[in-house]
């Protein structure tokens, strides 16, 4: 799994590529913690390249959301693929993480 942080106008876009599972969950949490420490409060997690997510990945998303909110910010999802979206829906986390069409809309909260 690869995680990259791209600075945008008013937010940081976190791009997750590959399989978000137990092997990558701690890496994701660490990258998000670094982004928050660098002063980013609004994070948009772009999952367009995320092929798979298991319960460890879900836990990482929830942990990242909690860290962002504790820092006075928020974490939003963008470009959620069908497989990852199904996992969110199955666990009812699609009510917590409302998927957005793209990163810009997520940043605006639209």
C-alpha atoms as a PDB file:
ATOM      1  CA  UNK A   1       0.000   0.000   0.000  1.00  0.00           C
ATOM      2  CA  UNK A   2       1.161   3.518  -0.810  1.00  0.00           C
ATOM      3  CA  UNK A   3      -0.007   6.658   0.995  1.00  0.00           C
ATOM      4  CA  UNK A   4       0.784  10.122  -0.289  1.00  0.00           C
ATOM      5  CA  UNK A   5      -0.180  13.532   1.026  1.00  0.00           C
ATOM      6  CA  UNK A   6      -0.792  16.288  -1.494  1.00  0.00           C
ATOM      7  CA  UNK A   7      -1.249  19.846  -0.261  1.00  0.00           C
ATOM      8  CA  UNK A   8      -4.212  21.593  -1.831  1.00  0.00           C
ATOM      9  CA  UNK A   9      -5.785  25.001  -1.333  1.00  0.00           C
ATOM     10  CA  UNK A  10      -7.228  24.757   2.171  1.00  0.00           C
ATOM     11  CA  UNK A  11      -6.854  21.025   2.713  1.00  0.00           C
ATOM     12  CA  UNK A  12      -4.539  18.043   2.475  1.00  0.00           C
ATOM     13  CA  UNK A  13      -5.470  15.243   0.093  1.00  0.00           C
ATOM     14  CA  UNK A  14      -4.485  11.807   1.373  1.00  0.00           C
ATOM     15  CA  UNK A  15      -4.267   9.353  -1.539  1.00  0.00           C
ATOM     16  CA  UNK A  16      -4.385   5.674  -0.583  1.00  0.00           C
ATOM     17  CA  UNK A  17      -3.251   3.256  -3.272  1.00  0.00           C
ATOM     18  CA  UNK A  18      -3.522  -0.523  -2.998  1.00  0.00           C
ATOM     19  CA  UNK A  19      -4.952  -2.669  -0.230  1.00  0.00           C
ATOM     20  CA  UNK A  20      -5.896  -0.945   3.014  1.00  0.00           C
ATOM     21  CA  UNK A  21      -5.509  -3.810   5.451  1.00  0.00           C
ATOM     22  CA  UNK A  22      -3.630  -4.732   8.618  1.00  0.00           C
ATOM     23  CA  UNK A  23      -0.293  -4.296   6.843  1.00  0.00           C
ATOM     24  CA  UNK A  24      -1.004  -0.683   5.857  1.00  0.00           C
ATOM     25  CA  UNK A  25      -3.287   0.579   8.624  1.00  0.00           C
ATOM     26  CA  UNK A  26      -0.472   1.843  10.871  1.00  0.00           C
ATOM     27  CA  UNK A  27       1.237   3.517   7.911  1.00  0.00           C
ATOM     28  CA  UNK A  28      -1.987   5.395   7.100  1.00  0.00           C
ATOM     29  CA  UNK A  29      -2.429   6.493  10.712  1.00  0.00           C
ATOM     30  CA  UNK A  30       1.177   7.719  10.841  1.00  0.00           C
ATOM     31  CA  UNK A  31       0.892   9.708   7.587  1.00  0.00           C
ATOM     32  CA  UNK A  32      -2.328  11.353   8.760  1.00  0.00           C
ATOM     33  CA  UNK A  33      -0.771  12.152  12.148  1.00  0.00           C
ATOM     34  CA  UNK A  34       2.154  13.786  10.322  1.00  0.00           C
ATOM     35  CA  UNK A  35      -0.235  15.861   8.192  1.00  0.00           C
ATOM     36  CA  UNK A  36      -2.099  17.014  11.308  1.00  0.00           C
ATOM     37  CA  UNK A  37       1.208  17.825  13.042  1.00  0.00           C
ATOM     38  CA  UNK A  38       2.143  19.907   9.972  1.00  0.00           C
ATOM     39  CA  UNK A  39      -0.945  22.035  10.595  1.00  0.00           C
ATOM     40  CA  UNK A  40      -3.494  20.494   8.253  1.00  0.00           C
ATOM     41  CA  UNK A  41      -6.925  20.416   9.844  1.00  0.00           C
ATOM     42  CA  UNK A  42      -9.082  19.434   6.884  1.00  0.00           C
ATOM     43  CA  UNK A  43      -8.081  16.124   5.337  1.00  0.00           C
ATOM     44  CA  UNK A  44      -9.675  14.550   2.284  1.00  0.00           C
ATOM     45  CA  UNK A  45      -8.960  10.855   1.933  1.00  0.00           C
ATOM     46  CA  UNK A  46      -9.049   9.980  -1.758  1.00  0.00           C
ATOM     47  CA  UNK A  47      -9.786   6.273  -2.172  1.00  0.00           C
ATOM     48  CA  UNK A  48      -9.939   6.108  -5.982  1.00  0.00           C
ATOM     49  CA  UNK A  49      -6.906   3.815  -6.060  1.00  0.00           C
ATOM     50  CA  UNK A  50      -7.847   1.743  -2.999  1.00  0.00           C
ATOM     51  CA  UNK A  51      -8.524  -1.783  -4.222  1.00  0.00           C
ATOM     52  CA  UNK A  52      -9.586  -3.387  -0.952  1.00  0.00           C
ATOM     53  CA  UNK A  53     -10.288  -2.497   2.673  1.00  0.00           C
ATOM     54  CA  UNK A  54     -10.703  -4.848   5.624  1.00  0.00           C
ATOM     55  CA  UNK A  55     -11.638  -4.259   9.270  1.00  0.00           C
ATOM     56  CA  UNK A  56      -8.133  -2.985  10.066  1.00  0.00           C
ATOM     57  CA  UNK A  57      -8.529  -0.416   7.300  1.00  0.00           C
ATOM     58  CA  UNK A  58     -11.899   0.622   8.695  1.00  0.00           C
ATOM     59  CA  UNK A  59     -10.301   0.998  12.119  1.00  0.00           C
ATOM     60  CA  UNK A  60      -7.576   3.155  10.599  1.00  0.00           C
ATOM     61  CA  UNK A  61     -10.185   5.417   8.940  1.00  0.00           C
ATOM     62  CA  UNK A  62     -12.041   5.843  12.216  1.00  0.00           C
ATOM     63  CA  UNK A  63      -8.764   6.541  14.041  1.00  0.00           C
ATOM     64  CA  UNK A  64      -7.794   9.138  11.445  1.00  0.00           C
ATOM     65  CA  UNK A  65     -11.197  10.810  11.744  1.00  0.00           C
ATOM     66  CA  UNK A  66     -10.846  10.916  15.528  1.00  0.00           C
ATOM     67  CA  UNK A  67      -7.338  12.418  15.298  1.00  0.00           C
ATOM     68  CA  UNK A  68      -8.509  15.080  12.837  1.00  0.00           C
ATOM     69  CA  UNK A  69     -11.483  16.046  14.970  1.00  0.00           C
ATOM     70  CA  UNK A  70      -9.410  16.154  18.157  1.00  0.00           C
ATOM     71  CA  UNK A  71      -7.143  18.643  16.347  1.00  0.00           C
ATOM     72  CA  UNK A  72     -10.170  20.804  15.528  1.00  0.00           C
ATOM     73  CA  UNK A  73     -10.517  19.557  11.969  1.00  0.00           C
ATOM     74  CA  UNK A  74     -12.278  16.921   9.935  1.00  0.00           C
ATOM     75  CA  UNK A  75     -11.632  13.994   7.602  1.00  0.00           C
ATOM     76  CA  UNK A  76     -13.772  13.415   4.519  1.00  0.00           C
ATOM     77  CA  UNK A  77     -13.788  10.722   1.837  1.00  0.00           C
ATOM     78  CA  UNK A  78     -13.644  11.199  -1.916  1.00  0.00           C
ATOM     79  CA  UNK A  79     -13.849   8.947  -4.962  1.00  0.00           C
ATOM     80  CA  UNK A  80     -14.759   5.819  -3.024  1.00  0.00           C
ATOM     81  CA  UNK A  81     -14.709   2.781  -5.292  1.00  0.00           C
ATOM     82  CA  UNK A  82     -17.437   0.181  -5.449  1.00  0.00           C
ATOM     83  CA  UNK A  83     -15.673  -2.445  -3.312  1.00  0.00           C
ATOM     84  CA  UNK A  84     -14.655  -0.025  -0.567  1.00  0.00           C
ATOM     85  CA  UNK A  85     -18.076   1.629  -0.696  1.00  0.00           C
ATOM     86  CA  UNK A  86     -19.716  -1.751  -0.153  1.00  0.00           C
ATOM     87  CA  UNK A  87     -17.643  -2.281   2.999  1.00  0.00           C
ATOM     88  CA  UNK A  88     -18.610   1.155   4.296  1.00  0.00           C
ATOM     89  CA  UNK A  89     -22.284   0.459   3.597  1.00  0.00           C
ATOM     90  CA  UNK A  90     -22.166  -3.025   5.127  1.00  0.00           C
ATOM     91  CA  UNK A  91     -20.760  -1.601   8.360  1.00  0.00           C
ATOM     92  CA  UNK A  92     -23.023   1.497   8.268  1.00  0.00           C
ATOM     93  CA  UNK A  93     -19.915   3.688   8.268  1.00  0.00           C
ATOM     94  CA  UNK A  94     -21.256   5.333   5.121  1.00  0.00           C
ATOM     95  CA  UNK A  95     -23.358   7.367   7.570  1.00  0.00           C
ATOM     96  CA  UNK A  96     -20.209   8.637   9.303  1.00  0.00           C
ATOM     97  CA  UNK A  97     -18.090   8.956   6.163  1.00  0.00           C
ATOM     98  CA  UNK A  98     -20.312  10.431   3.480  1.00  0.00           C
ATOM     99  CA  UNK A  99     -18.471   9.676   0.215  1.00  0.00           C
ATOM    100  CA  UNK A 100     -18.003  12.627  -2.143  1.00  0.00           C
ATOM    101  CA  UNK A 101     -17.658  12.634  -5.922  1.00  0.00           C
ATOM    102  CA  UNK A 102     -14.222  14.261  -5.847  1.00  0.00           C
ATOM    103  CA  UNK A 103     -11.719  15.828  -3.463  1.00  0.00           C
ATOM    104  CA  UNK A 104     -12.826  19.407  -4.159  1.00  0.00           C
ATOM    105  CA  UNK A 105     -16.456  18.641  -3.286  1.00  0.00           C
ATOM    106  CA  UNK A 106     -15.349  16.802  -0.156  1.00  0.00           C
ATOM    107  CA  UNK A 107     -13.278  19.790   0.946  1.00  0.00           C
ATOM    108  CA  UNK A 108     -16.283  22.072   0.441  1.00  0.00           C
ATOM    109  CA  UNK A 109     -18.560  19.625   2.236  1.00  0.00           C
ATOM    110  CA  UNK A 110     -20.844  19.353  -0.797  1.00  0.00           C
END
